[in-house]
C-alpha atoms as a PDB file:
ATOM      1  CA  MET A   1      70.421 100.886 137.554  1.00  0.00           C
ATOM      2  CA  TRP A   2      69.864  98.412 134.829  1.00  0.00           C
ATOM      3  CA  ASN A   3      67.335  95.753 135.474  1.00  0.00           C
ATOM      4  CA  ARG A   4      67.791  92.153 134.493  1.00  0.00           C
ATOM      5  CA  ILE A   5      65.762  92.390 131.262  1.00  0.00           C
ATOM      6  CA  ASP A   6      67.816  95.337 129.975  1.00  0.00           C
ATOM      7  CA  ARG A   7      71.051  93.464 130.612  1.00  0.00           C
ATOM      8  CA  THR A   8      69.682  90.355 128.890  1.00  0.00           C
ATOM      9  CA  TYR A   9      68.704  92.306 125.769  1.00  0.00           C
ATOM     10  CA  LEU A  10      72.070  94.060 125.689  1.00  0.00           C
ATOM     11  CA  PHE A  11      73.864  90.740 126.051  1.00  0.00           C
ATOM     12  CA  LEU A  12      71.800  89.186 123.251  1.00  0.00           C
ATOM     13  CA  ALA A  13      72.373  92.174 120.974  1.00  0.00           C
ATOM     14  CA  LEU A  14      76.129  92.122 121.572  1.00  0.00           C
ATOM     15  CA  GLY A  15      76.211  88.363 121.168  1.00  0.00           C
ATOM     16  CA  GLN A  16      74.489  88.572 117.796  1.00  0.00           C
ATOM     17  CA  PHE A  17      76.854  91.331 116.680  1.00  0.00           C
ATOM     18  CA  PHE A  18      79.951  89.347 117.628  1.00  0.00           C
ATOM     19  CA  LEU A  19      78.525  86.149 116.176  1.00  0.00           C
ATOM     20  CA  PHE A  20      77.797  87.928 112.897  1.00  0.00           C
ATOM     21  CA  SER A  21      81.263  89.489 112.799  1.00  0.00           C
ATOM     22  CA  TYR A  22      82.914  86.178 113.582  1.00  0.00           C
ATOM     23  CA  SER A  23      80.883  84.226 111.044  1.00  0.00           C
ATOM     24  CA  GLU A  24      81.503  86.844 108.352  1.00  0.00           C
ATOM     25  CA  ASN A  25      85.271  86.711 108.934  1.00  0.00           C
ATOM     26  CA  PHE A  26      85.207  82.937 109.199  1.00  0.00           C
ATOM     27  CA  CYS A  27      83.340  82.558 105.903  1.00  0.00           C
ATOM     28  CA  ALA A  28      85.768  84.921 104.170  1.00  0.00           C
ATOM     29  CA  LYS A  29      88.714  82.915 105.523  1.00  0.00           C
ATOM     30  CA  VAL A  30      87.172  79.625 104.392  1.00  0.00           C
ATOM     31  CA  LYS A  31      86.569  81.024 100.900  1.00  0.00           C
ATOM     32  CA  GLN A  32      90.143  82.304 100.741  1.00  0.00           C
ATOM     33  CA  GLU A  33      91.550  78.932 101.816  1.00  0.00           C
ATOM     34  CA  SER A  34      89.279  77.170  99.326  1.00  0.00           C
ATOM     35  CA  VAL A  35      90.519  79.337  96.456  1.00  0.00           C
ATOM     36  CA  ILE A  36      94.139  78.749  97.478  1.00  0.00           C
ATOM     37  CA  LEU A  37      93.574  74.987  97.602  1.00  0.00           C
ATOM     38  CA  LYS A  38      91.887  75.047  94.194  1.00  0.00           C
ATOM     39  CA  LEU A  39      94.735  77.061  92.697  1.00  0.00           C
ATOM     40  CA  ASN A  40      97.291  74.707  94.211  1.00  0.00           C
ATOM     41  CA  SER A  41      95.373  71.737  92.868  1.00  0.00           C
ATOM     42  CA  VAL A  42      95.218  73.185  89.354  1.00  0.00           C
ATOM     43  CA  TYR A  43      98.895  74.088  89.506  1.00  0.00           C
ATOM     44  CA  THR A  44      99.839  70.632  90.758  1.00  0.00           C
ATOM     45  CA  ASP A  45      97.621  68.950  88.160  1.00  0.00           C
ATOM     46  CA  GLY A  46      99.295  71.021  85.464  1.00  0.00           C
ATOM     47  CA  ILE A  47     102.758  69.961  86.621  1.00  0.00           C
ATOM     48  CA  ALA A  48     101.700  66.309  86.758  1.00  0.00           C
ATOM     49  CA  LYS A  49     100.131  66.480  83.279  1.00  0.00           C
ATOM     50  CA  ASN A  50     103.190  68.188  81.836  1.00  0.00           C
ATOM     51  CA  PHE A  51     105.447  65.605  83.452  1.00  0.00           C
ATOM     52  CA  LEU A  52     103.372  62.716  82.101  1.00  0.00           C
ATOM     53  CA  CYS A  53     103.169  64.225  78.625  1.00  0.00           C
ATOM     54  CA  ASN A  54     106.897  64.902  78.549  1.00  0.00           C
ATOM     55  CA  SER A  55     107.800  61.467  79.908  1.00  0.00           C
ATOM     56  CA  LYS A  56     105.747  59.673  77.231  1.00  0.00           C
ATOM     57  CA  GLY A  57     108.142  60.970  74.610  1.00  0.00           C
ATOM     58  CA  PHE A  58     111.029  58.992  76.070  1.00  0.00           C
END
């Protein structure tokens, strides 16, 4: 039978593994969302600039 210390170490080891896996996936997701937001911002800024430049001619 496992004693209490063995179970505690196993729990801590598994907890660290899952925490690392979660944080790694979370960071990747945040970076992906950040890139998408930046691309959308650049795209939107480009549309706004083009609109303003084109509207000045009228």
